[in-house]
């Protein structure tokens, strides 16, 4: 799978919805602004590796799973 801002964003949204979390809930759980999570999911922002780690931890999955490598 080709990793682009959009594909990573779709993966974040997929895993968030799978856990029945809103963007605001996920953002609050991992200490990020809600708008930033929204921008990640729509591909407007590029997540840094430490942000991916925080998102993965907040979603209870690995970074590999988060970005769709597994």
PDB file of N, CA and C in Angstrom:
ATOM      1  N   UNK A   1       0.848  -1.177   0.000  1.00  0.00           N
ATOM      2  CA  UNK A   1       0.000   0.000   0.000  1.00  0.00           C
ATOM      3  C   UNK A   1       0.895   1.242   0.000  1.00  0.00           C
ATOM      4  N   UNK A   2       0.563   2.188  -0.829  1.00  0.00           N
ATOM      5  CA  UNK A   2       1.282   3.454  -0.883  1.00  0.00           C
ATOM      6  C   UNK A   2       0.822   4.331   0.277  1.00  0.00           C
ATOM      7  N   UNK A   3       1.774   4.796   1.078  1.00  0.00           N
ATOM      8  CA  UNK A   3       1.429   5.645   2.217  1.00  0.00           C
ATOM      9  C   UNK A   3       1.409   7.100   1.778  1.00  0.00           C
ATOM     10  N   UNK A   4       0.249   7.699   1.840  1.00  0.00           N
ATOM     11  CA  UNK A   4       0.077   9.118   1.562  1.00  0.00           C
ATOM     12  C   UNK A   4      -0.636   9.735   2.755  1.00  0.00           C
ATOM     13  N   UNK A   5      -0.701  11.045   2.775  1.00  0.00           N
ATOM     14  CA  UNK A   5      -1.443  11.726   3.848  1.00  0.00           C
ATOM     15  C   UNK A   5      -2.873  11.197   3.913  1.00  0.00           C
ATOM     16  N   UNK A   6      -3.468  11.017   2.742  1.00  0.00           N
ATOM     17  CA  UNK A   6      -4.866  10.594   2.686  1.00  0.00           C
ATOM     18  C   UNK A   6      -5.048   9.158   3.174  1.00  0.00           C
ATOM     19  N   UNK A   7      -4.147   8.240   2.772  1.00  0.00           N
ATOM     20  CA  UNK A   7      -4.319   6.852   3.206  1.00  0.00           C
ATOM     21  C   UNK A   7      -4.082   6.705   4.709  1.00  0.00           C
ATOM     22  N   UNK A   8      -3.116   7.422   5.236  1.00  0.00           N
ATOM     23  CA  UNK A   8      -2.889   7.385   6.688  1.00  0.00           C
ATOM     24  C   UNK A   8      -4.099   7.980   7.400  1.00  0.00           C
ATOM     25  N   UNK A   9      -4.619   9.072   6.891  1.00  0.00           N
ATOM     26  CA  UNK A   9      -5.807   9.695   7.482  1.00  0.00           C
ATOM     27  C   UNK A   9      -6.999   8.765   7.502  1.00  0.00           C
ATOM     28  N   UNK A  10      -7.197   8.028   6.409  1.00  0.00           N
ATOM     29  CA  UNK A  10      -8.305   7.075   6.344  1.00  0.00           C
ATOM     30  C   UNK A  10      -8.122   5.957   7.366  1.00  0.00           C
ATOM     31  N   UNK A  11      -6.889   5.530   7.558  1.00  0.00           N
ATOM     32  CA  UNK A  11      -6.597   4.490   8.543  1.00  0.00           C
ATOM     33  C   UNK A  11      -6.880   4.990   9.968  1.00  0.00           C
ATOM     34  N   UNK A  12      -6.484   6.226  10.250  1.00  0.00           N
ATOM     35  CA  UNK A  12      -6.751   6.806  11.573  1.00  0.00           C
ATOM     36  C   UNK A  12      -8.256   6.834  11.814  1.00  0.00           C
ATOM     37  N   UNK A  13      -8.999   7.335  10.841  1.00  0.00           N
ATOM     38  CA  UNK A  13     -10.458   7.427  10.974  1.00  0.00           C
ATOM     39  C   UNK A  13     -11.082   6.040  11.130  1.00  0.00           C
ATOM     40  N   UNK A  14     -10.610   5.076  10.365  1.00  0.00           N
ATOM     41  CA  UNK A  14     -11.145   3.710  10.435  1.00  0.00           C
ATOM     42  C   UNK A  14     -10.985   3.139  11.837  1.00  0.00           C
ATOM     43  N   UNK A  15      -9.782   3.223  12.368  1.00  0.00           N
ATOM     44  CA  UNK A  15      -9.527   2.648  13.689  1.00  0.00           C
ATOM     45  C   UNK A  15     -10.237   3.426  14.798  1.00  0.00           C
ATOM     46  N   UNK A  16     -10.351   4.732  14.625  1.00  0.00           N
ATOM     47  CA  UNK A  16     -11.081   5.541  15.617  1.00  0.00           C
ATOM     48  C   UNK A  16     -12.551   5.134  15.645  1.00  0.00           C
ATOM     49  N   UNK A  17     -13.159   5.022  14.470  1.00  0.00           N
ATOM     50  CA  UNK A  17     -14.575   4.653  14.392  1.00  0.00           C
ATOM     51  C   UNK A  17     -14.803   3.225  14.872  1.00  0.00           C
ATOM     52  N   UNK A  18     -13.858   2.344  14.587  1.00  0.00           N
ATOM     53  CA  UNK A  18     -13.949   0.951  15.036  1.00  0.00           C
ATOM     54  C   UNK A  18     -14.044   0.877  16.560  1.00  0.00           C
ATOM     55  N   UNK A  19     -13.395   1.837  17.227  1.00  0.00           N
ATOM     56  CA  UNK A  19     -13.425   1.880  18.689  1.00  0.00           C
ATOM     57  C   UNK A  19     -14.522   2.808  19.225  1.00  0.00           C
ATOM     58  N   UNK A  20     -15.367   3.278  18.292  1.00  0.00           N
ATOM     59  CA  UNK A  20     -16.515   4.123  18.641  1.00  0.00           C
ATOM     60  C   UNK A  20     -16.100   5.394  19.390  1.00  0.00           C
ATOM     61  N   UNK A  21     -15.028   6.016  18.907  1.00  0.00           N
ATOM     62  CA  UNK A  21     -14.548   7.282  19.468  1.00  0.00           C
ATOM     63  C   UNK A  21     -14.833   8.414  18.492  1.00  0.00           C
ATOM     64  N   UNK A  22     -15.154   9.579  19.030  1.00  0.00           N
ATOM     65  CA  UNK A  22     -15.241  10.771  18.192  1.00  0.00           C
ATOM     66  C   UNK A  22     -13.838  11.346  18.045  1.00  0.00           C
ATOM     67  N   UNK A  23     -13.688  12.254  17.103  1.00  0.00           N
ATOM     68  CA  UNK A  23     -12.393  12.933  16.961  1.00  0.00           C
ATOM     69  C   UNK A  23     -12.046  13.667  18.245  1.00  0.00           C
ATOM     70  N   UNK A  24     -13.028  14.290  18.844  1.00  0.00           N
ATOM     71  CA  UNK A  24     -12.780  15.035  20.089  1.00  0.00           C
ATOM     72  C   UNK A  24     -12.345  14.107  21.214  1.00  0.00           C
ATOM     73  N   UNK A  25     -12.970  12.944  21.322  1.00  0.00           N
ATOM     74  CA  UNK A  25     -12.598  11.992  22.377  1.00  0.00           C
ATOM     75  C   UNK A  25     -11.177  11.482  22.175  1.00  0.00           C
ATOM     76  N   UNK A  26     -10.855  11.097  20.944  1.00  0.00           N
ATOM     77  CA  UNK A  26      -9.504  10.621  20.663  1.00  0.00           C
ATOM     78  C   UNK A  26      -8.485  11.713  20.961  1.00  0.00           C
ATOM     79  N   UNK A  27      -8.757  12.912  20.484  1.00  0.00           N
ATOM     80  CA  UNK A  27      -7.838  14.031  20.705  1.00  0.00           C
ATOM     81  C   UNK A  27      -7.617  14.276  22.200  1.00  0.00           C
ATOM     82  N   UNK A  28      -8.691  14.271  22.979  1.00  0.00           N
ATOM     83  CA  UNK A  28      -8.582  14.492  24.424  1.00  0.00           C
ATOM     84  C   UNK A  28      -7.793  13.368  25.094  1.00  0.00           C
ATOM     85  N   UNK A  29      -8.011  12.124  24.649  1.00  0.00           N
ATOM     86  CA  UNK A  29      -7.327  10.972  25.232  1.00  0.00           C
ATOM     87  C   UNK A  29      -5.818  11.015  25.036  1.00  0.00           C
ATOM     88  N   UNK A  30      -5.368  11.603  23.930  1.00  0.00           N
ATOM     89  CA  UNK A  30      -3.933  11.596  23.639  1.00  0.00           C
ATOM     90  C   UNK A  30      -3.301  12.981  23.723  1.00  0.00           C
ATOM     91  N   UNK A  31      -4.074  13.970  24.133  1.00  0.00           N
ATOM     92  CA  UNK A  31      -3.525  15.299  24.363  1.00  0.00           C
ATOM     93  C   UNK A  31      -3.200  16.094  23.115  1.00  0.00           C
ATOM     94  N   UNK A  32      -4.012  15.913  22.077  1.00  0.00           N
ATOM     95  CA  UNK A  32      -3.845  16.693  20.851  1.00  0.00           C
ATOM     96  C   UNK A  32      -5.083  17.544  20.622  1.00  0.00           C
ATOM     97  N   UNK A  33      -4.938  18.658  19.930  1.00  0.00           N
ATOM     98  CA  UNK A  33      -6.124  19.456  19.604  1.00  0.00           C
ATOM     99  C   UNK A  33      -7.050  18.695  18.654  1.00  0.00           C
ATOM    100  N   UNK A  34      -8.335  18.830  18.877  1.00  0.00           N
ATOM    101  CA  UNK A  34      -9.341  18.176  18.038  1.00  0.00           C
ATOM    102  C   UNK A  34      -9.143  18.528  16.571  1.00  0.00           C
ATOM    103  N   UNK A  35      -8.873  19.787  16.279  1.00  0.00           N
ATOM    104  CA  UNK A  35      -8.716  20.246  14.896  1.00  0.00           C
ATOM    105  C   UNK A  35      -7.539  19.530  14.221  1.00  0.00           C
ATOM    106  N   UNK A  36      -6.498  19.254  14.965  1.00  0.00           N
ATOM    107  CA  UNK A  36      -5.330  18.563  14.423  1.00  0.00           C
ATOM    108  C   UNK A  36      -5.695  17.135  14.010  1.00  0.00           C
ATOM    109  N   UNK A  37      -6.453  16.434  14.848  1.00  0.00           N
ATOM    110  CA  UNK A  37      -6.906  15.084  14.512  1.00  0.00           C
ATOM    111  C   UNK A  37      -7.766  15.134  13.253  1.00  0.00           C
ATOM    112  N   UNK A  38      -8.635  16.099  13.170  1.00  0.00           N
ATOM    113  CA  UNK A  38      -9.471  16.269  11.978  1.00  0.00           C
ATOM    114  C   UNK A  38      -8.604  16.486  10.733  1.00  0.00           C
ATOM    115  N   UNK A  39      -7.616  17.356  10.858  1.00  0.00           N
ATOM    116  CA  UNK A  39      -6.716  17.631   9.730  1.00  0.00           C
ATOM    117  C   UNK A  39      -5.921  16.391   9.323  1.00  0.00           C
ATOM    118  N   UNK A  40      -5.531  15.564  10.283  1.00  0.00           N
ATOM    119  CA  UNK A  40      -4.826  14.324   9.961  1.00  0.00           C
ATOM    120  C   UNK A  40      -5.732  13.380   9.182  1.00  0.00           C
ATOM    121  N   UNK A  41      -6.964  13.244   9.653  1.00  0.00           N
ATOM    122  CA  UNK A  41      -7.893  12.310   9.013  1.00  0.00           C
ATOM    123  C   UNK A  41      -8.257  12.720   7.587  1.00  0.00           C
ATOM    124  N   UNK A  42      -8.244  13.997   7.311  1.00  0.00           N
ATOM    125  CA  UNK A  42      -8.595  14.461   5.961  1.00  0.00           C
ATOM    126  C   UNK A  42      -7.373  14.622   5.068  1.00  0.00           C
ATOM    127  N   UNK A  43      -6.187  14.359   5.609  1.00  0.00           N
ATOM    128  CA  UNK A  43      -4.974  14.453   4.811  1.00  0.00           C
ATOM    129  C   UNK A  43      -4.421  15.857   4.662  1.00  0.00           C
ATOM    130  N   UNK A  44      -4.970  16.806   5.405  1.00  0.00           N
ATOM    131  CA  UNK A  44      -4.461  18.187   5.332  1.00  0.00           C
ATOM    132  C   UNK A  44      -3.151  18.360   6.087  1.00  0.00           C
ATOM    133  N   UNK A  45      -2.869  17.447   7.017  1.00  0.00           N
ATOM    134  CA  UNK A  45      -1.633  17.507   7.800  1.00  0.00           C
ATOM    135  C   UNK A  45      -0.910  16.179   7.688  1.00  0.00           C
ATOM    136  N   UNK A  46       0.409  16.243   7.839  1.00  0.00           N
ATOM    137  CA  UNK A  46       1.254  15.048   7.817  1.00  0.00           C
ATOM    138  C   UNK A  46       1.654  14.730   9.253  1.00  0.00           C
ATOM    139  N   UNK A  47       1.301  13.532   9.746  1.00  0.00           N
ATOM    140  CA  UNK A  47       1.679  13.202  11.123  1.00  0.00           C
ATOM    141  C   UNK A  47       3.157  12.844  11.232  1.00  0.00           C
ATOM    142  N   UNK A  48       3.790  13.328  12.280  1.00  0.00           N
ATOM    143  CA  UNK A  48       5.166  12.941  12.580  1.00  0.00           C
ATOM    144  C   UNK A  48       5.125  11.587  13.283  1.00  0.00           C
ATOM    145  N   UNK A  49       6.269  10.941  13.346  1.00  0.00           N
ATOM    146  CA  UNK A  49       6.316   9.598  13.925  1.00  0.00           C
ATOM    147  C   UNK A  49       5.858   9.593  15.385  1.00  0.00           C
ATOM    148  N   UNK A  50       6.218  10.614  16.152  1.00  0.00           N
ATOM    149  CA  UNK A  50       5.784  10.624  17.562  1.00  0.00           C
ATOM    150  C   UNK A  50       4.277  10.819  17.671  1.00  0.00           C
ATOM    151  N   UNK A  51       3.683  11.520  16.713  1.00  0.00           N
ATOM    152  CA  UNK A  51       2.228  11.675  16.694  1.00  0.00           C
ATOM    153  C   UNK A  51       1.566  10.353  16.338  1.00  0.00           C
ATOM    154  N   UNK A  52       2.134   9.625  15.375  1.00  0.00           N
ATOM    155  CA  UNK A  52       1.610   8.305  15.031  1.00  0.00           C
ATOM    156  C   UNK A  52       1.679   7.377  16.241  1.00  0.00           C
ATOM    157  N   UNK A  53       2.759   7.472  17.006  1.00  0.00           N
ATOM    158  CA  UNK A  53       2.900   6.643  18.205  1.00  0.00           C
ATOM    159  C   UNK A  53       1.811   6.981  19.224  1.00  0.00           C
ATOM    160  N   UNK A  54       1.547   8.263  19.420  1.00  0.00           N
ATOM    161  CA  UNK A  54       0.493   8.667  20.359  1.00  0.00           C
ATOM    162  C   UNK A  54      -0.871   8.187  19.895  1.00  0.00           C
ATOM    163  N   UNK A  55      -1.142   8.329  18.590  1.00  0.00           N
ATOM    164  CA  UNK A  55      -2.418   7.872  18.035  1.00  0.00           C
ATOM    165  C   UNK A  55      -2.564   6.360  18.198  1.00  0.00           C
ATOM    166  N   UNK A  56      -1.519   5.624  17.861  1.00  0.00           N
ATOM    167  CA  UNK A  56      -1.576   4.167  17.975  1.00  0.00           C
ATOM    168  C   UNK A  56      -1.828   3.746  19.420  1.00  0.00           C
ATOM    169  N   UNK A  57      -1.121   4.367  20.349  1.00  0.00           N
ATOM    170  CA  UNK A  57      -1.320   4.058  21.766  1.00  0.00           C
ATOM    171  C   UNK A  57      -2.753   4.367  22.184  1.00  0.00           C
ATOM    172  N   UNK A  58      -3.256   5.520  21.778  1.00  0.00           N
ATOM    173  CA  UNK A  58      -4.620   5.913  22.116  1.00  0.00           C
ATOM    174  C   UNK A  58      -5.672   4.996  21.527  1.00  0.00           C
ATOM    175  N   UNK A  59      -5.333   4.353  20.418  1.00  0.00           N
ATOM    176  CA  UNK A  59      -6.266   3.435  19.767  1.00  0.00           C
ATOM    177  C   UNK A  59      -6.016   1.976  20.146  1.00  0.00           C
ATOM    178  N   UNK A  60      -4.959   1.735  20.921  1.00  0.00           N
ATOM    179  CA  UNK A  60      -4.664   0.387  21.376  1.00  0.00           C
ATOM    180  C   UNK A  60      -4.140  -0.535  20.283  1.00  0.00           C
ATOM    181  N   UNK A  61      -3.406   0.034  19.322  1.00  0.00           N
ATOM    182  CA  UNK A  61      -2.858  -0.753  18.217  1.00  0.00           C
ATOM    183  C   UNK A  61      -1.404  -0.363  17.977  1.00  0.00           C
ATOM    184  N   UNK A  62      -0.730  -1.096  17.105  1.00  0.00           N
ATOM    185  CA  UNK A  62       0.658  -0.755  16.758  1.00  0.00           C
ATOM    186  C   UNK A  62       0.668   0.311  15.664  1.00  0.00           C
ATOM    187  N   UNK A  63       1.812   0.954  15.510  1.00  0.00           N
ATOM    188  CA  UNK A  63       1.958   1.925  14.426  1.00  0.00           C
ATOM    189  C   UNK A  63       1.785   1.227  13.076  1.00  0.00           C
ATOM    190  N   UNK A  64       2.339   0.028  12.943  1.00  0.00           N
ATOM    191  CA  UNK A  64       2.184  -0.726  11.695  1.00  0.00           C
ATOM    192  C   UNK A  64       0.717  -0.913  11.339  1.00  0.00           C
ATOM    193  N   UNK A  65      -0.068  -1.318  12.337  1.00  0.00           N
ATOM    194  CA  UNK A  65      -1.496  -1.519  12.098  1.00  0.00           C
ATOM    195  C   UNK A  65      -2.183  -0.193  11.779  1.00  0.00           C
ATOM    196  N   UNK A  66      -1.791   0.845  12.472  1.00  0.00           N
ATOM    197  CA  UNK A  66      -2.396   2.159  12.240  1.00  0.00           C
ATOM    198  C   UNK A  66      -2.212   2.628  10.806  1.00  0.00           C
ATOM    199  N   UNK A  67      -1.031   2.450  10.273  1.00  0.00           N
ATOM    200  CA  UNK A  67      -0.785   2.940   8.901  1.00  0.00           C
ATOM    201  C   UNK A  67      -1.106   1.897   7.835  1.00  0.00           C
ATOM    202  N   UNK A  68      -1.615   0.735   8.266  1.00  0.00           N
ATOM    203  CA  UNK A  68      -2.084  -0.247   7.307  1.00  0.00           C
ATOM    204  C   UNK A  68      -1.017  -1.138   6.717  1.00  0.00           C
ATOM    205  N   UNK A  69       0.110  -1.281   7.408  1.00  0.00           N
ATOM    206  CA  UNK A  69       1.180  -2.126   6.900  1.00  0.00           C
ATOM    207  C   UNK A  69       0.884  -3.593   7.192  1.00  0.00           C
ATOM    208  N   UNK A  70       0.202  -3.854   8.267  1.00  0.00           N
ATOM    209  CA  UNK A  70      -0.119  -5.228   8.674  1.00  0.00           C
ATOM    210  C   UNK A  70      -1.433  -5.677   8.146  1.00  0.00           C
TER     211      UNK A  70
END
